[in-house]
Amino acid sequence: AASGETLGDYAIGWFRQAPGKGRAGVACISSKGGSTYYTGVVKGRF
């Protein structure tokens, strides 16, 4: 959830960090929602 500004002006990504590991991208979406990208490990599930 966003506050302070209009979220529609931003592309958004979900990232995750597991214990002892670096941060990794999971899924991303364009500012208007017309395009998405998924990393291989979550494609088809998320």
All heavy atoms as atom14 arrays in JSON, in Angstrom:
{
  "sequence": "AASGETLGDYAIGWFRQAPGKGRAGVACISSKGGSTYYTGVVKGRF",
  "atom14_mask": [
    [1, 1, 1, 1, 1, 0, 0, 0, 0, 0, 0, 0, 0, 0],
    [1, 1, 1, 1, 1, 0, 0, 0, 0, 0, 0, 0, 0, 0],
    [1, 1, 1, 1, 1, 1, 0, 0, 0, 0, 0, 0, 0, 0],
    [1, 1, 1, 1, 0, 0, 0, 0, 0, 0, 0, 0, 0, 0],
    [1, 1, 1, 1, 1, 1, 1, 1, 1, 0, 0, 0, 0, 0],
    [1, 1, 1, 1, 1, 1, 1, 0, 0, 0, 0, 0, 0, 0],
    [1, 1, 1, 1, 1, 1, 1, 1, 0, 0, 0, 0, 0, 0],
    [1, 1, 1, 1, 0, 0, 0, 0, 0, 0, 0, 0, 0, 0],
    [1, 1, 1, 1, 1, 1, 1, 1, 0, 0, 0, 0, 0, 0],
    [1, 1, 1, 1, 1, 1, 1, 1, 1, 1, 1, 1, 0, 0],
    [1, 1, 1, 1, 1, 0, 0, 0, 0, 0, 0, 0, 0, 0],
    [1, 1, 1, 1, 1, 1, 1, 1, 0, 0, 0, 0, 0, 0],
    [1, 1, 1, 1, 0, 0, 0, 0, 0, 0, 0, 0, 0, 0],
    [1, 1, 1, 1, 1, 1, 1, 1, 1, 1, 1, 1, 1, 1],
    [1, 1, 1, 1, 1, 1, 1, 1, 1, 1, 1, 0, 0, 0],
    [1, 1, 1, 1, 1, 1, 1, 1, 1, 1, 1, 0, 0, 0],
    [1, 1, 1, 1, 1, 1, 1, 1, 1, 0, 0, 0, 0, 0],
    [1, 1, 1, 1, 1, 0, 0, 0, 0, 0, 0, 0, 0, 0],
    [1, 1, 1, 1, 1, 1, 1, 0, 0, 0, 0, 0, 0, 0],
    [1, 1, 1, 1, 0, 0, 0, 0, 0, 0, 0, 0, 0, 0],
    [1, 1, 1, 1, 1, 1, 1, 1, 1, 0, 0, 0, 0, 0],
    [1, 1, 1, 1, 0, 0, 0, 0, 0, 0, 0, 0, 0, 0],
    [1, 1, 1, 1, 1, 1, 1, 1, 1, 1, 1, 0, 0, 0],
    [1, 1, 1, 1, 1, 0, 0, 0, 0, 0, 0, 0, 0, 0],
    [1, 1, 1, 1, 0, 0, 0, 0, 0, 0, 0, 0, 0, 0],
    [1, 1, 1, 1, 1, 1, 1, 0, 0, 0, 0, 0, 0, 0],
    [1, 1, 1, 1, 1, 0, 0, 0, 0, 0, 0, 0, 0, 0],
    [1, 1, 1, 1, 1, 1, 0, 0, 0, 0, 0, 0, 0, 0],
    [1, 1, 1, 1, 1, 1, 1, 1, 0, 0, 0, 0, 0, 0],
    [1, 1, 1, 1, 1, 1, 0, 0, 0, 0, 0, 0, 0, 0],
    [1, 1, 1, 1, 1, 1, 0, 0, 0, 0, 0, 0, 0, 0],
    [1, 1, 1, 1, 1, 1, 1, 1, 1, 0, 0, 0, 0, 0],
    [1, 1, 1, 1, 0, 0, 0, 0, 0, 0, 0, 0, 0, 0],
    [1, 1, 1, 1, 0, 0, 0, 0, 0, 0, 0, 0, 0, 0],
    [1, 1, 1, 1, 1, 1, 0, 0, 0, 0, 0, 0, 0, 0],
    [1, 1, 1, 1, 1, 1, 1, 0, 0, 0, 0, 0, 0, 0],
    [1, 1, 1, 1, 1, 1, 1, 1, 1, 1, 1, 1, 0, 0],
    [1, 1, 1, 1, 1, 1, 1, 1, 1, 1, 1, 1, 0, 0],
    [1, 1, 1, 1, 1, 1, 1, 0, 0, 0, 0, 0, 0, 0],
    [1, 1, 1, 1, 0, 0, 0, 0, 0, 0, 0, 0, 0, 0],
    [1, 1, 1, 1, 1, 1, 1, 0, 0, 0, 0, 0, 0, 0],
    [1, 1, 1, 1, 1, 1, 1, 0, 0, 0, 0, 0, 0, 0],
    [1, 1, 1, 1, 1, 1, 1, 1, 1, 0, 0, 0, 0, 0],
    [1, 1, 1, 1, 0, 0, 0, 0, 0, 0, 0, 0, 0, 0],
    [1, 1, 1, 1, 1, 1, 1, 1, 1, 1, 1, 0, 0, 0],
    [1, 1, 1, 1, 1, 1, 1, 1, 1, 1, 1, 0, 0, 0]
  ],
  "atom14_positions": [
    [[0.83, -1.19, 0.0], [0.0, 0.0, 0.0], [0.87, 1.25, 0.0], [1.86, 1.32, 0.74], [-0.92, 0.01, 1.22], [0.0, 0.0, 0.0], [0.0, 0.0, 0.0], [0.0, 0.0, 0.0], [0.0, 0.0, 0.0], [0.0, 0.0, 0.0], [0.0, 0.0, 0.0], [0.0, 0.0, 0.0], [0.0, 0.0, 0.0], [0.0, 0.0, 0.0]],
    [[0.5, 2.2, -0.83], [1.28, 3.43, -0.96], [0.54, 4.62, -0.36], [-0.69, 4.67, -0.37], [1.58, 3.7, -2.42], [0.0, 0.0, 0.0], [0.0, 0.0, 0.0], [0.0, 0.0, 0.0], [0.0, 0.0, 0.0], [0.0, 0.0, 0.0], [0.0, 0.0, 0.0], [0.0, 0.0, 0.0], [0.0, 0.0, 0.0], [0.0, 0.0, 0.0]],
    [[1.32, 5.56, 0.12], [0.79, 6.83, 0.58], [1.78, 7.93, 0.26], [2.96, 7.65, -0.02], [0.51, 6.8, 2.09], [1.7, 6.59, 2.81], [0.0, 0.0, 0.0], [0.0, 0.0, 0.0], [0.0, 0.0, 0.0], [0.0, 0.0, 0.0], [0.0, 0.0, 0.0], [0.0, 0.0, 0.0], [0.0, 0.0, 0.0], [0.0, 0.0, 0.0]],
    [[1.31, 9.13, 0.23], [2.19, 10.26, -0.02], [2.21, 10.71, -1.46], [2.35, 11.9, -1.73], [0.0, 0.0, 0.0], [0.0, 0.0, 0.0], [0.0, 0.0, 0.0], [0.0, 0.0, 0.0], [0.0, 0.0, 0.0], [0.0, 0.0, 0.0], [0.0, 0.0, 0.0], [0.0, 0.0, 0.0], [0.0, 0.0, 0.0], [0.0, 0.0, 0.0]],
    [[2.15, 9.77, -2.37], [2.14, 10.09, -3.79], [1.28, 9.07, -4.53], [0.86, 8.06, -3.96], [3.57, 10.07, -4.35], [4.48, 11.16, -3.77], [5.81, 11.24, -4.49], [5.89, 10.82, -5.65], [6.78, 11.73, -3.88], [0.0, 0.0, 0.0], [0.0, 0.0, 0.0], [0.0, 0.0, 0.0], [0.0, 0.0, 0.0], [0.0, 0.0, 0.0]],
    [[1.05, 9.34, -5.8], [0.23, 8.45, -6.62], [1.06, 7.26, -7.08], [2.05, 7.41, -7.79], [-0.31, 9.2, -7.84], [-1.08, 10.32, -7.39], [-1.21, 8.29, -8.67], [0.0, 0.0, 0.0], [0.0, 0.0, 0.0], [0.0, 0.0, 0.0], [0.0, 0.0, 0.0], [0.0, 0.0, 0.0], [0.0, 0.0, 0.0], [0.0, 0.0, 0.0]],
    [[0.63, 6.06, -6.68], [1.38, 4.86, -7.02], [1.41, 4.62, -8.52], [2.34, 3.99, -9.03], [0.77, 3.66, -6.31], [1.61, 2.39, -6.26], [2.92, 2.63, -5.51], [0.83, 1.25, -5.63], [0.0, 0.0, 0.0], [0.0, 0.0, 0.0], [0.0, 0.0, 0.0], [0.0, 0.0, 0.0], [0.0, 0.0, 0.0], [0.0, 0.0, 0.0]],
    [[0.41, 5.12, -9.23], [0.34, 4.91, -10.66], [1.45, 5.57, -11.45], [1.58, 5.35, -12.65], [0.0, 0.0, 0.0], [0.0, 0.0, 0.0], [0.0, 0.0, 0.0], [0.0, 0.0, 0.0], [0.0, 0.0, 0.0], [0.0, 0.0, 0.0], [0.0, 0.0, 0.0], [0.0, 0.0, 0.0], [0.0, 0.0, 0.0], [0.0, 0.0, 0.0]],
    [[2.28, 6.37, -10.81], [3.42, 6.99, -11.47], [4.67, 6.13, -11.4], [5.72, 6.53, -11.9], [3.72, 8.35, -10.83], [2.61, 9.37, -11.1], [1.88, 9.21, -12.1], [2.5, 10.33, -10.3], [0.0, 0.0, 0.0], [0.0, 0.0, 0.0], [0.0, 0.0, 0.0], [0.0, 0.0, 0.0], [0.0, 0.0, 0.0], [0.0, 0.0, 0.0]],
    [[4.56, 4.95, -10.75], [5.74, 4.14, -10.47], [5.58, 2.71, -10.98], [4.51, 2.1, -10.83], [6.0, 4.06, -8.97], [6.32, 5.38, -8.32], [5.32, 6.29, -7.97], [7.64, 5.73, -8.04], [5.63, 7.49, -7.38], [7.95, 6.93, -7.44], [6.94, 7.81, -7.11], [7.26, 9.0, -6.52], [0.0, 0.0, 0.0], [0.0, 0.0, 0.0]],
    [[6.64, 2.18, -11.55], [6.74, 0.73, -11.71], [7.03, 0.14, -10.33], [7.72, 0.76, -9.51], [7.85, 0.36, -12.68], [0.0, 0.0, 0.0], [0.0, 0.0, 0.0], [0.0, 0.0, 0.0], [0.0, 0.0, 0.0], [0.0, 0.0, 0.0], [0.0, 0.0, 0.0], [0.0, 0.0, 0.0], [0.0, 0.0, 0.0], [0.0, 0.0, 0.0]],
    [[6.49, -1.04, -10.07], [6.63, -1.66, -8.75], [7.22, -3.05, -8.88], [6.88, -3.81, -9.79], [5.26, -1.77, -8.05], [4.63, -0.38, -7.87], [5.4, -2.47, -6.7], [5.38, 0.53, -6.94], [0.0, 0.0, 0.0], [0.0, 0.0, 0.0], [0.0, 0.0, 0.0], [0.0, 0.0, 0.0], [0.0, 0.0, 0.0], [0.0, 0.0, 0.0]],
    [[8.09, -3.36, -7.97], [8.66, -4.71, -7.92], [8.5, -5.31, -6.53], [8.52, -4.6, -5.53], [0.0, 0.0, 0.0], [0.0, 0.0, 0.0], [0.0, 0.0, 0.0], [0.0, 0.0, 0.0], [0.0, 0.0, 0.0], [0.0, 0.0, 0.0], [0.0, 0.0, 0.0], [0.0, 0.0, 0.0], [0.0, 0.0, 0.0], [0.0, 0.0, 0.0]],
    [[8.32, -6.61, -6.51], [8.4, -7.37, -5.26], [9.75, -8.07, -5.23], [10.16, -8.7, -6.21], [7.28, -8.4, -5.17], [5.96, -7.84, -4.75], [4.92, -7.47, -5.56], [5.52, -7.6, -3.41], [3.87, -7.0, -4.8], [4.21, -7.07, -3.48], [6.09, -7.76, -2.15], [3.48, -6.72, -2.35], [5.36, -7.42, -1.03], [4.07, -6.9, -1.13]],
    [[10.41, -7.97, -4.09], [11.72, -8.57, -3.89], [11.68, -9.37, -2.6], [10.85, -9.11, -1.72], [12.79, -7.47, -3.8], [12.89, -6.62, -5.04], [12.0, -5.57, -5.25], [13.85, -6.88, -6.01], [12.07, -4.79, -6.39], [13.93, -6.1, -7.15], [13.04, -5.07, -7.34], [0.0, 0.0, 0.0], [0.0, 0.0, 0.0], [0.0, 0.0, 0.0]],
    [[12.59, -10.31, -2.47], [12.63, -11.08, -1.24], [14.06, -11.33, -0.81], [14.97, -11.35, -1.65], [11.88, -12.4, -1.4], [12.52, -13.41, -2.36], [11.58, -14.6, -2.55], [12.16, -15.64, -3.38], [11.51, -16.72, -3.79], [10.22, -16.9, -3.44], [12.11, -17.62, -4.54], [0.0, 0.0, 0.0], [0.0, 0.0, 0.0], [0.0, 0.0, 0.0]],
    [[14.22, -11.5, 0.49], [15.53, -11.81, 1.04], [15.38, -12.93, 2.05], [14.74, -12.76, 3.09], [16.17, -10.59, 1.69], [17.6, -10.82, 2.14], [18.36, -9.53, 2.37], [17.78, -8.45, 2.48], [19.67, -9.62, 2.42], [0.0, 0.0, 0.0], [0.0, 0.0, 0.0], [0.0, 0.0, 0.0], [0.0, 0.0, 0.0], [0.0, 0.0, 0.0]],
    [[15.97, -14.05, 1.7], [15.95, -15.22, 2.58], [17.11, -15.12, 3.56], [18.1, -14.43, 3.3], [16.05, -16.49, 1.76], [0.0, 0.0, 0.0], [0.0, 0.0, 0.0], [0.0, 0.0, 0.0], [0.0, 0.0, 0.0], [0.0, 0.0, 0.0], [0.0, 0.0, 0.0], [0.0, 0.0, 0.0], [0.0, 0.0, 0.0], [0.0, 0.0, 0.0]],
    [[17.02, -15.82, 4.69], [18.1, -15.77, 5.68], [19.44, -16.16, 5.07], [19.55, -17.2, 4.41], [17.64, -16.78, 6.73], [16.17, -16.82, 6.61], [15.88, -16.63, 5.15], [0.0, 0.0, 0.0], [0.0, 0.0, 0.0], [0.0, 0.0, 0.0], [0.0, 0.0, 0.0], [0.0, 0.0, 0.0], [0.0, 0.0, 0.0], [0.0, 0.0, 0.0]],
    [[20.43, -15.33, 5.26], [21.76, -15.64, 4.77], [21.97, -15.44, 3.29], [23.03, -15.76, 2.75], [0.0, 0.0, 0.0], [0.0, 0.0, 0.0], [0.0, 0.0, 0.0], [0.0, 0.0, 0.0], [0.0, 0.0, 0.0], [0.0, 0.0, 0.0], [0.0, 0.0, 0.0], [0.0, 0.0, 0.0], [0.0, 0.0, 0.0], [0.0, 0.0, 0.0]],
    [[20.97, -14.89, 2.61], [21.08, -14.69, 1.16], [20.86, -13.22, 0.81], [20.35, -12.44, 1.61], [20.06, -15.57, 0.44], [20.29, -17.07, 0.61], [19.34, -17.87, -0.27], [19.61, -19.36, -0.14], [18.69, -20.15, -0.99], [0.0, 0.0, 0.0], [0.0, 0.0, 0.0], [0.0, 0.0, 0.0], [0.0, 0.0, 0.0], [0.0, 0.0, 0.0]],
    [[21.23, -12.88, -0.4], [21.02, -11.54, -0.87], [19.6, -11.32, -1.34], [18.81, -12.25, -1.47], [0.0, 0.0, 0.0], [0.0, 0.0, 0.0], [0.0, 0.0, 0.0], [0.0, 0.0, 0.0], [0.0, 0.0, 0.0], [0.0, 0.0, 0.0], [0.0, 0.0, 0.0], [0.0, 0.0, 0.0], [0.0, 0.0, 0.0], [0.0, 0.0, 0.0]],
    [[19.28, -10.09, -1.58], [17.95, -9.74, -2.07], [17.78, -10.18, -3.52], [18.7, -10.04, -4.33], [17.76, -8.23, -1.97], [16.36, -7.74, -2.29], [16.33, -6.23, -2.22], [17.2, -5.63, -3.21], [17.78, -4.44, -3.08], [17.59, -3.74, -1.97], [18.54, -3.95, -4.04], [0.0, 0.0, 0.0], [0.0, 0.0, 0.0], [0.0, 0.0, 0.0]],
    [[16.6, -10.68, -3.83], [16.33, -11.16, -5.19], [14.97, -10.67, -5.66], [14.01, -10.62, -4.88], [16.35, -12.69, -5.22], [0.0, 0.0, 0.0], [0.0, 0.0, 0.0], [0.0, 0.0, 0.0], [0.0, 0.0, 0.0], [0.0, 0.0, 0.0], [0.0, 0.0, 0.0], [0.0, 0.0, 0.0], [0.0, 0.0, 0.0], [0.0, 0.0, 0.0]],
    [[14.9, -10.31, -6.91], [13.63, -9.9, -7.49], [12.69, -11.08, -7.64], [13.13, -12.22, -7.88], [0.0, 0.0, 0.0], [0.0, 0.0, 0.0], [0.0, 0.0, 0.0], [0.0, 0.0, 0.0], [0.0, 0.0, 0.0], [0.0, 0.0, 0.0], [0.0, 0.0, 0.0], [0.0, 0.0, 0.0], [0.0, 0.0, 0.0], [0.0, 0.0, 0.0]],
    [[11.4, -10.83, -7.52], [10.38, -11.87, -7.63], [9.46, -11.58, -8.82], [9.31, -12.4, -9.71], [9.57, -11.95, -6.33], [8.41, -12.93, -6.49], [10.45, -12.36, -5.17], [0.0, 0.0, 0.0], [0.0, 0.0, 0.0], [0.0, 0.0, 0.0], [0.0, 0.0, 0.0], [0.0, 0.0, 0.0], [0.0, 0.0, 0.0], [0.0, 0.0, 0.0]],
    [[8.84, -10.42, -8.79], [7.89, -10.04, -9.84], [7.83, -8.53, -9.92], [7.96, -7.85, -8.91], [6.51, -10.61, -9.55], [0.0, 0.0, 0.0], [0.0, 0.0, 0.0], [0.0, 0.0, 0.0], [0.0, 0.0, 0.0], [0.0, 0.0, 0.0], [0.0, 0.0, 0.0], [0.0, 0.0, 0.0], [0.0, 0.0, 0.0], [0.0, 0.0, 0.0]],
    [[7.61, -8.03, -11.13], [7.56, -6.59, -11.35], [6.4, -6.25, -12.28], [6.01, -7.07, -13.13], [8.87, -6.09, -11.94], [10.27, -6.24, -10.8], [0.0, 0.0, 0.0], [0.0, 0.0, 0.0], [0.0, 0.0, 0.0], [0.0, 0.0, 0.0], [0.0, 0.0, 0.0], [0.0, 0.0, 0.0], [0.0, 0.0, 0.0], [0.0, 0.0, 0.0]],
    [[5.87, -5.04, -12.11], [4.73, -4.62, -12.9], [4.91, -3.17, -13.32], [5.43, -2.35, -12.55], [3.41, -4.83, -12.11], [2.18, -4.63, -12.99], [3.37, -3.95, -10.86], [0.9, -5.14, -12.34], [0.0, 0.0, 0.0], [0.0, 0.0, 0.0], [0.0, 0.0, 0.0], [0.0, 0.0, 0.0], [0.0, 0.0, 0.0], [0.0, 0.0, 0.0]],
    [[4.49, -2.87, -14.53], [4.62, -1.52, -15.05], [3.67, -0.57, -14.33], [2.76, -0.99, -13.62], [4.36, -1.5, -16.56], [3.04, -1.96, -16.82], [0.0, 0.0, 0.0], [0.0, 0.0, 0.0], [0.0, 0.0, 0.0], [0.0, 0.0, 0.0], [0.0, 0.0, 0.0], [0.0, 0.0, 0.0], [0.0, 0.0, 0.0], [0.0, 0.0, 0.0]],
    [[3.88, 0.73, -14.55], [3.13, 1.73, -13.79], [1.62, 1.66, -14.01], [0.83, 1.9, -13.09], [3.63, 3.13, -14.14], [3.45, 3.39, -15.52], [0.0, 0.0, 0.0], [0.0, 0.0, 0.0], [0.0, 0.0, 0.0], [0.0, 0.0, 0.0], [0.0, 0.0, 0.0], [0.0, 0.0, 0.0], [0.0, 0.0, 0.0], [0.0, 0.0, 0.0]],
    [[1.2, 1.3, -15.23], [-0.23, 1.21, -15.52], [-0.75, -0.22, -15.44], [-1.94, -0.46, -15.61], [-0.53, 1.79, -16.91], [-0.03, 3.21, -17.1], [-0.52, 4.16, -16.02], [0.03, 5.57, -16.25], [-0.26, 6.47, -15.1], [0.0, 0.0, 0.0], [0.0, 0.0, 0.0], [0.0, 0.0, 0.0], [0.0, 0.0, 0.0], [0.0, 0.0, 0.0]],
    [[0.16, -1.17, -15.2], [-0.26, -2.55, -15.03], [-0.34, -3.35, -16.32], [-0.73, -4.51, -16.3], [0.0, 0.0, 0.0], [0.0, 0.0, 0.0], [0.0, 0.0, 0.0], [0.0, 0.0, 0.0], [0.0, 0.0, 0.0], [0.0, 0.0, 0.0], [0.0, 0.0, 0.0], [0.0, 0.0, 0.0], [0.0, 0.0, 0.0], [0.0, 0.0, 0.0]],
    [[0.09, -2.75, -17.42], [-0.04, -3.45, -18.69], [1.01, -4.5, -18.95], [0.82, -5.37, -19.8], [0.0, 0.0, 0.0], [0.0, 0.0, 0.0], [0.0, 0.0, 0.0], [0.0, 0.0, 0.0], [0.0, 0.0, 0.0], [0.0, 0.0, 0.0], [0.0, 0.0, 0.0], [0.0, 0.0, 0.0], [0.0, 0.0, 0.0], [0.0, 0.0, 0.0]],
    [[2.11, -4.43, -18.22], [3.2, -5.39, -18.42], [3.65, -5.93, -17.08], [3.64, -5.23, -16.08], [4.39, -4.71, -19.11], [4.02, -4.23, -20.39], [0.0, 0.0, 0.0], [0.0, 0.0, 0.0], [0.0, 0.0, 0.0], [0.0, 0.0, 0.0], [0.0, 0.0, 0.0], [0.0, 0.0, 0.0], [0.0, 0.0, 0.0], [0.0, 0.0, 0.0]],
    [[4.03, -7.21, -17.11], [4.56, -7.86, -15.91], [5.79, -8.66, -16.25], [6.01, -9.03, -17.42], [3.52, -8.79, -15.26], [3.12, -9.77, -16.22], [2.3, -8.02, -14.77], [0.0, 0.0, 0.0], [0.0, 0.0, 0.0], [0.0, 0.0, 0.0], [0.0, 0.0, 0.0], [0.0, 0.0, 0.0], [0.0, 0.0, 0.0], [0.0, 0.0, 0.0]],
    [[6.58, -8.94, -15.24], [7.78, -9.78, -15.41], [7.9, -10.64, -14.16], [7.72, -10.16, -13.04], [9.03, -8.92, -15.59], [10.29, -9.73, -15.66], [10.72, -10.28, -16.87], [11.05, -9.98, -14.51], [11.89, -11.03, -16.94], [12.2, -10.75, -14.58], [12.61, -11.26, -15.79], [13.75, -12.02, -15.86], [0.0, 0.0, 0.0], [0.0, 0.0, 0.0]],
    [[8.23, -11.91, -14.37], [8.42, -12.83, -13.26], [9.78, -13.49, -13.4], [10.19, -13.87, -14.49], [7.34, -13.91, -13.26], [5.93, -13.37, -13.09], [5.16, -13.03, -14.2], [5.4, -13.18, -11.83], [3.88, -12.53, -14.04], [4.11, -12.68, -11.66], [3.37, -12.35, -12.78], [2.1, -11.85, -12.62], [0.0, 0.0, 0.0], [0.0, 0.0, 0.0]],
    [[10.43, -13.67, -12.26], [11.67, -14.44, -12.3], [11.32, -15.92, -12.42], [10.24, -16.36, -12.03], [12.52, -14.17, -11.06], [11.75, -14.47, -9.9], [12.95, -12.72, -11.01], [0.0, 0.0, 0.0], [0.0, 0.0, 0.0], [0.0, 0.0, 0.0], [0.0, 0.0, 0.0], [0.0, 0.0, 0.0], [0.0, 0.0, 0.0], [0.0, 0.0, 0.0]],
    [[12.28, -16.7, -12.9], [12.01, -18.08, -13.25], [11.49, -18.93, -12.11], [10.64, -19.79, -12.3], [0.0, 0.0, 0.0], [0.0, 0.0, 0.0], [0.0, 0.0, 0.0], [0.0, 0.0, 0.0], [0.0, 0.0, 0.0], [0.0, 0.0, 0.0], [0.0, 0.0, 0.0], [0.0, 0.0, 0.0], [0.0, 0.0, 0.0], [0.0, 0.0, 0.0]],
    [[11.96, -18.68, -10.89], [11.61, -19.56, -9.78], [10.17, -19.41, -9.33], [9.64, -20.27, -8.64], [12.56, -19.33, -8.58], [13.96, -19.78, -8.93], [12.54, -17.89, -8.14], [0.0, 0.0, 0.0], [0.0, 0.0, 0.0], [0.0, 0.0, 0.0], [0.0, 0.0, 0.0], [0.0, 0.0, 0.0], [0.0, 0.0, 0.0], [0.0, 0.0, 0.0]],
    [[9.51, -18.3, -9.7], [8.13, -18.09, -9.27], [7.15, -18.09, -10.43], [5.93, -18.07, -10.21], [7.97, -16.78, -8.48], [8.94, -16.74, -7.32], [8.14, -15.55, -9.38], [0.0, 0.0, 0.0], [0.0, 0.0, 0.0], [0.0, 0.0, 0.0], [0.0, 0.0, 0.0], [0.0, 0.0, 0.0], [0.0, 0.0, 0.0], [0.0, 0.0, 0.0]],
    [[7.64, -18.11, -11.63], [6.77, -18.05, -12.8], [5.78, -19.21, -12.78], [6.15, -20.36, -12.56], [7.6, -18.07, -14.07], [6.83, -17.73, -15.34], [7.76, -17.67, -16.54], [8.73, -16.52, -16.46], [9.57, -16.41, -17.68], [0.0, 0.0, 0.0], [0.0, 0.0, 0.0], [0.0, 0.0, 0.0], [0.0, 0.0, 0.0], [0.0, 0.0, 0.0]],
    [[4.52, -18.89, -12.98], [3.47, -19.89, -12.97], [2.86, -20.12, -11.61], [1.81, -20.76, -11.5], [0.0, 0.0, 0.0], [0.0, 0.0, 0.0], [0.0, 0.0, 0.0], [0.0, 0.0, 0.0], [0.0, 0.0, 0.0], [0.0, 0.0, 0.0], [0.0, 0.0, 0.0], [0.0, 0.0, 0.0], [0.0, 0.0, 0.0], [0.0, 0.0, 0.0]],
    [[3.52, -19.61, -10.55], [2.98, -19.78, -9.19], [2.54, -18.44, -8.59], [1.59, -18.41, -7.8], [4.05, -20.41, -8.29], [4.5, -21.78, -8.72], [5.39, -22.43, -7.66], [6.62, -21.69, -7.46], [7.03, -21.25, -6.26], [6.29, -21.46, -5.18], [8.19, -20.6, -6.16], [0.0, 0.0, 0.0], [0.0, 0.0, 0.0], [0.0, 0.0, 0.0]],
    [[3.24, -17.38, -8.93], [2.95, -16.06, -8.37], [2.32, -15.17, -9.43], [2.63, -15.29, -10.62], [4.23, -15.38, -7.88], [4.87, -16.0, -6.66], [4.46, -17.22, -6.16], [5.9, -15.33, -6.02], [5.06, -17.79, -5.05], [6.51, -15.87, -4.9], [6.1, -17.11, -4.42], [0.0, 0.0, 0.0], [0.0, 0.0, 0.0], [0.0, 0.0, 0.0]]
  ]
}
